[in-house]
Amino acid sequence: MYPTSAINRRAQVPKTTGAGTAGEPLALPNPQVQELEDELKVTRMGTLHALTMMLDIKDVKTGRHATRVAEWAVRVAERMGLDDEELRDLEIASILHDIGKVGIPDAILLKPGRLTDSEMRLVKRHPEFGWAMLRSIPGFERVSLQVLHHHERFDGGGYPSGLAGEAIPLGARIVAVVDTFDAMMSNRPYRRGLGVSEILDRLEPEQDAQFDGEILRLFLDIAGEHVGEVGQIRGPSL
Protein backbone atom coordinates (compact mmCIF):
# COMPACT_ATOMS: atom_id res chain seq x y z
CA MET A 1 0.00 0.00 0.00
CA TYR A 2 1.11 3.58 -0.58
CA PRO A 3 1.60 6.11 2.25
CA THR A 4 -1.46 8.01 3.45
CA SER A 5 -1.43 11.77 3.85
CA ALA A 6 1.07 13.00 6.40
CA ILE A 7 -1.57 15.48 7.57
CA ASN A 8 -3.86 12.59 8.52
CA ARG A 9 -1.00 10.80 10.25
CA ARG A 10 -0.12 13.88 12.30
CA ALA A 11 -3.74 14.28 13.38
CA GLN A 12 -3.49 10.93 15.19
CA VAL A 13 -0.37 11.85 17.19
CA PRO A 14 -0.79 13.55 20.64
CA LYS A 15 0.70 17.04 20.84
CA THR A 16 3.88 17.28 22.89
CA THR A 17 6.41 19.90 23.88
CA GLY A 18 10.03 19.64 22.90
CA ALA A 19 10.54 17.78 26.21
CA GLY A 20 7.82 15.30 25.30
CA THR A 21 5.11 16.39 27.79
CA ALA A 22 1.74 15.18 26.50
CA GLY A 23 -1.11 17.66 26.08
CA GLU A 24 1.00 20.83 25.88
CA PRO A 25 1.47 22.79 22.63
CA LEU A 26 4.71 22.62 20.70
CA ALA A 27 7.14 25.50 21.18
CA LEU A 28 7.13 28.09 18.40
CA PRO A 29 10.06 27.82 15.98
CA ASN A 30 13.10 30.02 16.55
CA PRO A 31 12.75 33.13 14.31
CA GLN A 32 16.36 32.78 13.16
CA VAL A 33 15.79 29.15 12.21
CA GLN A 34 12.66 30.13 10.32
CA GLU A 35 14.55 32.87 8.50
CA LEU A 36 17.24 30.39 7.45
CA GLU A 37 14.59 27.94 6.24
CA ASP A 38 12.92 30.69 4.21
CA GLU A 39 16.26 31.66 2.66
CA LEU A 40 16.90 28.02 1.79
CA LYS A 41 13.52 27.79 0.06
CA VAL A 42 14.31 30.91 -2.00
CA THR A 43 17.71 29.48 -2.95
CA ARG A 44 16.14 26.13 -3.86
CA MET A 45 13.53 27.79 -6.08
CA GLY A 46 16.19 29.93 -7.75
CA THR A 47 18.23 26.83 -8.48
CA LEU A 48 15.16 25.09 -9.89
CA HIS A 49 14.40 28.06 -12.16
CA ALA A 50 17.99 28.09 -13.43
CA LEU A 51 18.00 24.35 -14.16
CA THR A 52 14.62 24.59 -15.89
CA MET A 53 15.92 27.39 -18.09
CA MET A 54 18.93 25.20 -18.91
CA LEU A 55 16.56 22.49 -20.12
CA ASP A 56 14.66 24.97 -22.32
CA ILE A 57 17.89 26.37 -23.76
CA LYS A 58 19.09 22.84 -24.55
CA ASP A 59 15.81 21.91 -26.24
CA VAL A 60 12.46 23.65 -25.76
CA LYS A 61 10.66 20.38 -26.52
CA THR A 62 12.50 18.72 -23.62
CA GLY A 63 11.33 21.52 -21.32
CA ARG A 64 7.71 21.09 -22.41
CA HIS A 65 7.94 17.31 -22.00
CA ALA A 66 9.32 17.77 -18.47
CA THR A 67 6.46 20.12 -17.58
CA ARG A 68 3.84 17.64 -18.78
CA VAL A 69 5.56 14.78 -16.92
CA ALA A 70 5.43 16.86 -13.74
CA GLU A 71 1.74 17.61 -14.25
CA TRP A 72 0.91 13.93 -14.77
CA ALA A 73 3.08 12.82 -11.85
CA VAL A 74 1.45 15.21 -9.38
CA ARG A 75 -2.06 14.16 -10.48
CA VAL A 76 -1.18 10.50 -9.92
CA ALA A 77 0.50 11.22 -6.58
CA GLU A 78 -2.46 13.24 -5.32
CA ARG A 79 -4.73 10.25 -6.04
CA MET A 80 -2.29 8.11 -4.05
CA GLY A 81 -2.46 10.44 -1.04
CA LEU A 82 1.14 11.65 -0.93
CA ASP A 83 1.74 14.54 1.47
CA ASP A 84 2.80 18.07 0.52
CA GLU A 85 6.53 17.47 0.97
CA GLU A 86 6.42 14.29 -1.10
CA LEU A 87 4.45 16.11 -3.81
CA ARG A 88 6.99 18.92 -3.86
CA ASP A 89 9.93 16.52 -4.24
CA LEU A 90 8.10 14.56 -6.92
CA GLU A 91 7.21 17.68 -8.92
CA ILE A 92 10.84 18.85 -8.86
CA ALA A 93 12.15 15.40 -9.78
CA SER A 94 9.65 15.19 -12.64
CA ILE A 95 10.67 18.57 -14.03
CA LEU A 96 14.36 17.69 -13.77
CA HIS A 97 14.23 13.98 -14.60
CA ASP A 98 16.09 14.53 -17.90
CA ILE A 99 18.46 17.25 -16.68
CA GLY A 100 21.36 14.84 -17.19
CA LYS A 101 20.77 15.03 -20.95
CA VAL A 102 22.60 18.36 -20.96
CA GLY A 103 25.68 16.13 -20.85
CA ILE A 104 24.69 14.28 -24.03
CA PRO A 105 25.76 15.80 -27.39
CA ASP A 106 22.92 17.13 -29.54
CA ALA A 107 24.20 15.02 -32.43
CA ILE A 108 23.14 11.97 -30.42
CA LEU A 109 19.96 13.31 -28.81
CA LEU A 110 18.60 14.63 -32.12
CA LYS A 111 19.90 11.86 -34.35
CA PRO A 112 17.12 10.86 -36.78
CA GLY A 113 18.32 7.29 -37.20
CA ARG A 114 19.08 4.37 -34.91
CA LEU A 115 21.72 4.97 -32.22
CA THR A 116 24.87 2.89 -32.18
CA ASP A 117 25.58 0.72 -29.13
CA SER A 118 28.14 3.21 -27.83
CA GLU A 119 25.72 6.12 -28.32
CA MET A 120 22.99 4.24 -26.48
CA ARG A 121 25.34 3.49 -23.59
CA LEU A 122 26.05 7.22 -23.29
CA VAL A 123 22.35 8.14 -23.41
CA LYS A 124 21.65 5.61 -20.65
CA ARG A 125 24.05 7.51 -18.40
CA HIS A 126 21.82 10.59 -18.28
CA PRO A 127 20.17 9.56 -14.97
CA GLU A 128 23.63 9.35 -13.39
CA PHE A 129 24.60 12.73 -14.82
CA GLY A 130 21.40 14.22 -13.43
CA TRP A 131 21.97 12.68 -9.99
CA ALA A 132 25.53 14.03 -9.93
CA MET A 133 24.25 17.54 -10.72
CA LEU A 134 21.48 17.53 -8.09
CA ARG A 135 22.71 15.49 -5.13
CA SER A 136 24.76 18.29 -3.55
CA ILE A 137 21.97 20.90 -3.70
CA PRO A 138 20.46 21.38 -0.21
CA GLY A 139 16.93 19.97 -0.13
CA PHE A 140 17.37 17.95 -3.34
CA GLU A 141 18.63 14.74 -1.72
CA ARG A 142 15.45 12.73 -2.36
CA VAL A 143 14.90 14.49 -5.68
CA SER A 144 18.31 13.37 -6.91
CA LEU A 145 17.55 9.72 -6.11
CA GLN A 146 14.24 9.87 -7.97
CA VAL A 147 16.09 11.31 -10.98
CA LEU A 148 18.78 8.61 -10.70
CA HIS A 149 16.30 5.72 -10.70
CA HIS A 150 13.52 6.83 -13.08
CA HIS A 151 14.66 4.29 -15.72
CA GLU A 152 14.64 1.29 -13.39
CA ARG A 153 12.17 -1.48 -14.19
CA PHE A 154 9.84 -2.97 -11.58
CA ASP A 155 11.14 -6.45 -12.53
CA GLY A 156 14.76 -5.39 -11.98
CA GLY A 157 15.76 -5.16 -15.63
CA GLY A 158 16.28 -1.40 -15.81
CA TYR A 159 19.22 0.96 -15.30
CA PRO A 160 21.47 2.26 -13.85
CA SER A 161 21.31 0.07 -10.73
CA GLY A 162 18.98 -2.80 -11.62
CA LEU A 163 16.73 -2.09 -8.64
CA ALA A 164 13.42 -3.97 -8.45
CA GLY A 165 10.02 -3.55 -6.82
CA GLU A 166 9.75 -1.22 -3.85
CA ALA A 167 13.53 -0.84 -3.69
CA ILE A 168 12.96 1.73 -6.44
CA PRO A 169 12.01 5.10 -4.88
CA LEU A 170 8.26 5.71 -5.12
CA GLY A 171 8.70 8.97 -7.00
CA ALA A 172 10.92 7.26 -9.57
CA ARG A 173 8.24 4.59 -10.10
CA ILE A 174 5.65 7.28 -10.77
CA VAL A 175 7.93 9.21 -13.15
CA ALA A 176 8.72 5.98 -15.03
CA VAL A 177 5.05 5.54 -15.98
CA VAL A 178 4.17 9.11 -16.91
CA ASP A 179 7.49 9.79 -18.65
CA THR A 180 6.98 6.77 -20.90
CA PHE A 181 3.41 7.80 -21.70
CA ASP A 182 4.34 11.36 -22.66
CA ALA A 183 7.40 10.22 -24.61
CA MET A 184 5.25 7.84 -26.66
CA MET A 185 2.77 10.66 -27.40
CA SER A 186 5.50 13.07 -28.50
CA ASN A 187 6.96 13.38 -31.98
CA ARG A 188 10.61 12.32 -32.20
CA PRO A 189 13.19 12.87 -34.97
CA TYR A 190 12.82 9.18 -35.86
CA ARG A 191 9.02 8.68 -35.48
CA ARG A 192 5.62 10.32 -35.06
CA GLY A 193 3.84 10.30 -31.73
CA LEU A 194 1.30 7.57 -31.05
CA GLY A 195 -2.41 7.94 -30.24
CA VAL A 196 -3.65 7.68 -26.68
CA SER A 197 -5.56 4.42 -27.12
CA GLU A 198 -2.59 2.71 -28.75
CA ILE A 199 -0.25 3.88 -25.97
CA LEU A 200 -2.57 2.64 -23.24
CA ASP A 201 -2.85 -0.72 -24.99
CA ARG A 202 0.94 -0.98 -25.07
CA LEU A 203 1.39 0.06 -21.44
CA GLU A 204 -1.20 -2.25 -19.88
CA PRO A 205 0.77 -5.51 -20.36
CA GLU A 206 3.73 -3.94 -18.52
CA GLN A 207 2.05 -4.10 -15.10
CA ASP A 208 4.59 -5.45 -12.57
CA ALA A 209 7.09 -5.89 -15.41
CA GLN A 210 8.40 -2.52 -16.60
CA PHE A 211 6.15 -0.59 -14.21
CA ASP A 212 4.71 -0.77 -10.70
CA GLY A 213 1.32 -2.35 -11.43
CA GLU A 214 -0.61 -0.32 -8.87
CA ILE A 215 0.75 2.98 -10.19
CA LEU A 216 0.15 1.96 -13.80
CA ARG A 217 -3.45 0.91 -13.13
CA LEU A 218 -4.13 4.22 -11.41
CA PHE A 219 -2.60 6.11 -14.31
CA LEU A 220 -4.59 4.13 -16.86
CA ASP A 221 -7.75 5.09 -14.98
CA ILE A 222 -7.06 8.84 -15.15
CA ALA A 223 -5.13 9.21 -18.43
CA GLY A 224 -8.13 9.41 -20.75
CA GLU A 225 -9.86 11.89 -18.45
CA HIS A 226 -6.94 14.34 -18.30
CA VAL A 227 -5.01 13.85 -21.54
CA GLY A 228 -6.64 16.78 -23.35
CA GLU A 229 -5.88 19.25 -20.58
CA VAL A 230 -2.32 18.09 -19.91
CA GLY A 231 -1.56 17.77 -23.60
CA GLN A 232 -2.19 21.50 -24.07
CA ILE A 233 0.73 22.43 -21.81
CA ARG A 234 3.25 24.32 -23.89
CA GLY A 235 5.51 26.11 -21.42
CA PRO A 236 7.39 25.65 -18.15
CA SER A 237 5.38 25.12 -14.98
CA LEU A 238 7.45 27.57 -12.94
Foldseek 3Di string as FASTA:
>chain_A
DFDAEPVVVVVPDFAAEPVRHGPDHYDDDDPVVVVVVVVLVVVVVVVLVVLLVVQCVVPVVLQLLLQLLLVLLLVLVVVVRYYPLVNVLLSSLSNCLQSLCVVQDPCLQQPQDDDDPVSVVVSLCSLVSSLVVQCPRPPNPVSNLLSNQLQAFQCQPGDDPSDHHPVRPPSSLSSNQSSVLSVQQPCGSHGHHDDNVVSLVVCQVSDSTRGPNVSNVSSSVCCVVCVVVSVPRRHHPD
